[in-house]
Protein backbone atom coordinates (compact mmCIF):
# COMPACT_ATOMS: atom_id res chain seq x y z
CA MET A 1 64.26 53.34 85.34
CA LYS A 2 67.08 51.44 83.63
CA ALA A 3 66.39 49.38 80.52
CA ASP A 4 67.26 46.06 82.24
CA LYS A 5 64.82 46.77 85.07
CA LEU A 6 62.08 47.75 82.63
CA LEU A 7 62.67 44.62 80.57
CA ASP A 8 62.50 42.45 83.71
CA GLU A 9 59.13 43.97 84.61
CA ILE A 10 57.79 43.48 81.09
CA LEU A 11 58.96 39.85 81.05
CA LEU A 12 57.36 39.28 84.45
CA ILE A 13 54.01 40.48 83.09
CA LEU A 14 54.38 38.34 79.97
CA SER A 15 55.28 35.24 81.95
CA SER A 16 52.29 35.75 84.24
CA VAL A 17 49.89 35.65 81.27
CA LYS A 18 51.78 33.22 79.03
CA ASN A 19 48.90 30.72 79.09
CA ASP A 20 46.17 33.32 78.53
CA PRO A 21 45.64 33.85 74.78
CA THR A 22 43.24 36.75 75.37
CA ALA A 23 45.73 38.71 77.48
CA LEU A 24 48.57 37.92 75.09
CA THR A 25 46.48 39.08 72.12
CA LYS A 26 45.77 42.38 73.88
CA ILE A 27 49.47 42.86 74.60
CA LEU A 28 50.43 42.00 71.02
CA ASP A 29 47.78 44.32 69.57
CA PHE A 30 48.97 47.15 71.80
CA MET A 31 52.59 46.59 70.84
CA ASN A 32 51.78 46.38 67.14
CA GLU A 33 49.80 49.63 67.32
CA GLU A 34 52.01 51.64 69.66
CA ILE A 35 55.54 50.39 69.05
CA VAL A 36 56.67 50.50 65.46
CA LEU A 37 59.99 48.84 64.79
CA PRO A 38 61.34 48.74 61.26
CA GLU A 39 61.72 45.06 60.41
CA GLU A 40 65.32 45.55 59.36
CA GLU A 41 66.26 46.75 62.84
CA TYR A 42 65.12 43.67 64.73
CA GLU A 43 66.19 40.22 63.78
CA VAL A 44 65.53 37.35 66.14
CA LYS A 45 68.73 35.48 66.81
CA ILE A 46 68.56 31.99 68.24
CA PRO A 47 71.27 29.36 68.63
CA GLU A 48 72.24 27.61 65.41
CA LYS A 49 71.15 24.24 66.79
CA TYR A 50 67.51 25.32 66.20
CA ASN A 51 67.90 26.18 62.50
CA ASN A 52 66.73 22.84 61.09
CA ALA A 53 63.79 22.75 63.48
CA VAL A 54 62.79 26.30 62.49
CA LYS A 55 62.62 25.39 58.79
CA GLU A 56 60.67 22.20 59.44
CA ILE A 57 58.21 23.86 61.81
CA ALA A 58 57.64 26.79 59.42
CA GLY A 59 56.65 24.34 56.68
CA SER A 60 54.41 22.40 59.01
CA ILE A 61 52.51 25.39 60.41
CA ASP A 62 52.07 26.64 56.85
CA ALA A 63 50.28 23.35 56.17
CA GLY A 64 47.95 24.03 59.13
CA ASN A 65 49.57 21.85 61.78
CA VAL A 66 50.31 22.65 65.40
CA CYS A 67 53.94 21.78 66.14
CA PHE A 68 55.67 20.72 69.31
CA LEU A 69 59.42 21.18 69.77
CA ASN A 70 61.14 19.06 72.39
CA THR A 71 63.46 21.57 74.05
CA ASN A 72 65.87 18.84 75.17
CA THR A 73 66.25 16.73 72.02
CA LEU A 74 64.96 19.21 69.38
CA ALA A 75 62.60 16.49 68.13
CA ILE A 76 59.47 17.80 66.43
CA ASP A 77 55.96 16.44 66.54
CA GLU A 78 52.85 17.80 64.86
CA ILE A 79 49.11 17.32 64.81
CA PRO A 80 46.39 18.89 62.66
CA LYS A 81 45.13 22.23 63.95
CA GLY A 82 41.56 20.95 64.12
CA LEU A 83 42.57 18.09 66.39
CA PHE A 84 44.44 20.46 68.70
CA PHE A 85 41.68 23.06 69.06
CA SER A 86 38.59 20.88 68.86
CA PRO A 87 39.41 17.19 69.39
CA SER A 88 35.82 15.97 69.53
CA ALA A 89 34.75 17.84 66.37
CA TYR A 90 37.88 16.60 64.58
CA GLU A 91 37.12 13.02 65.60
CA MET A 92 33.51 13.31 64.43
CA GLU A 93 34.64 14.76 61.11
CA THR A 94 37.59 12.45 60.38
CA GLY A 95 37.15 9.43 62.62
CA PHE A 96 40.60 10.00 64.14
CA SER A 97 41.31 10.93 67.73
CA LEU A 98 44.46 12.03 69.49
CA LYS A 99 44.83 8.48 70.78
CA ASP A 100 44.75 7.11 67.20
CA LEU A 101 47.59 9.39 66.07
CA LYS A 102 49.76 8.49 69.09
CA PRO A 103 51.60 11.82 69.22
CA LYS A 104 55.10 11.77 70.69
CA TYR A 105 54.80 15.13 72.43
CA THR A 106 52.40 13.71 75.02
CA ARG A 107 55.32 11.68 76.41
CA TRP A 108 57.79 14.58 76.50
CA LYS A 109 58.60 16.39 79.73
CA LYS A 110 59.62 19.71 78.14
CA TYR A 111 58.32 21.10 74.88
CA ILE A 112 57.01 24.29 73.36
CA THR A 113 53.89 24.52 71.24
CA ILE A 114 53.91 26.53 68.03
CA GLU A 115 50.53 27.14 66.45
CA PRO A 116 49.81 28.16 62.86
CA LEU A 117 49.27 31.85 62.23
CA GLU A 118 45.82 33.32 62.65
CA SER A 119 44.24 34.48 59.40
CA ASN A 120 44.80 38.16 60.27
CA GLU A 121 48.53 37.45 60.72
CA SER A 122 48.68 35.64 57.38
CA PHE A 123 46.85 38.58 55.83
CA LYS A 124 49.52 40.96 57.18
CA ILE A 125 52.22 38.86 55.51
CA MET A 126 50.38 39.14 52.19
CA GLU A 127 50.09 42.91 52.66
CA LYS A 128 53.82 43.23 53.38
CA PHE A 129 54.63 41.21 50.29
CA VAL A 130 52.43 43.42 48.12
CA ASP A 131 53.92 46.61 49.64
CA GLN A 132 57.42 45.66 48.54
CA LEU A 133 56.51 44.80 44.92
CA ASP A 134 57.96 46.91 42.10
CA ASN A 135 55.47 45.86 39.41
CA SER A 136 52.72 48.46 39.86
CA LYS A 137 50.14 46.68 37.69
CA LEU A 138 50.52 43.42 39.59
CA ARG A 139 50.60 45.31 42.90
CA GLU A 140 47.30 46.99 42.02
CA ARG A 141 45.68 43.66 41.16
CA LEU A 142 46.89 42.14 44.44
CA VAL A 143 45.74 45.13 46.49
CA TYR A 144 42.30 44.83 44.89
CA ALA A 145 42.30 41.09 45.67
CA LEU A 146 43.23 41.71 49.31
CA TYR A 147 40.58 44.32 50.02
CA ASN A 148 37.61 42.72 48.29
CA GLY A 149 35.72 39.47 48.71
CA ARG A 150 37.61 36.21 49.26
CA PRO A 151 41.05 37.83 49.69
CA PHE A 152 42.98 34.61 50.34
CA ALA A 153 41.57 32.76 47.34
CA ASN A 154 41.91 35.73 45.00
CA PHE A 155 45.45 36.51 46.16
CA LYS A 156 46.44 32.87 45.64
CA ASN A 157 44.89 32.80 42.19
CA ILE A 158 46.80 35.89 41.05
CA ILE A 159 50.08 34.69 42.57
CA ASP A 160 49.73 31.19 41.09
CA ASN A 161 49.31 32.69 37.63
CA SER A 162 52.19 35.16 37.85
CA ASP A 163 55.94 35.12 37.44
CA ILE A 164 56.45 36.07 41.13
CA ARG A 165 55.04 32.84 42.53
CA HIS A 166 58.44 31.68 43.81
CA ASP A 167 59.15 35.14 45.25
CA TRP A 168 55.91 34.90 47.24
CA PHE A 169 56.73 31.47 48.61
CA ASP A 170 60.25 32.60 49.60
CA PHE A 171 58.85 35.73 51.26
CA LYS A 172 56.16 33.81 53.14
CA ASP A 173 58.64 31.13 54.26
CA LYS A 174 61.01 33.80 55.56
CA LYS A 175 58.19 35.41 57.58
CA LEU A 176 57.04 32.04 58.95
CA GLN A 177 60.60 31.22 60.00
CA GLU A 178 60.85 34.60 61.74
CA TYR A 179 57.62 33.78 63.59
CA VAL A 180 58.95 30.36 64.66
CA LYS A 181 62.21 31.92 65.85
CA THR A 182 60.22 34.44 67.87
CA MET A 183 58.19 31.67 69.49
CA ILE A 184 61.42 29.87 70.42
CA GLU A 185 62.92 33.09 71.78
CA ILE A 186 59.82 33.79 73.89
CA ASN A 187 59.50 30.27 75.25
CA ILE A 188 63.12 29.49 76.08
CA PRO A 189 64.74 32.86 76.80
CA GLN A 190 67.15 31.48 79.39
CA GLU A 191 68.98 29.58 76.62
CA LEU A 192 69.25 32.65 74.43
CA SER A 193 70.84 35.06 76.93
């Protein structure tokens, strides 16, 4: 079968389960396990008009917000992750509801939703950062932090007290921007052809 035909069939399957997080997770897990692409070989390319939105959304999801990108105007809206996933619990905890925040995205006709990374995805970014470090002593400390109790807190503590703090933030921001670009590419492929 030709590559174009295979790709069409794959995209058909993906579009049929695009609203099913369980099915998408299974597909992603399979692809991550079975298809290994060196990161240097695949770079998501999206139209330049999205660049500012990508940077803003990456910062917002890093802060734990769910973002909404208006695909017509490129306007961005965001709400806290807790409000998005569990509105009633969020309201009980904070006293704020979706109605109180008056989000703009609820009035938009076309938008895509970009959620923060799951903790296992954030963990993978930390692992990739550690793998590329030259300083073997610091790398050893970070590896120990990652594979023992409270990995996120211990990793952060070591990074915050090191001379590579800015390198970490640059690395993480680059990975978050790649993720946002991928979400744009997946959700509006007709624009990117």
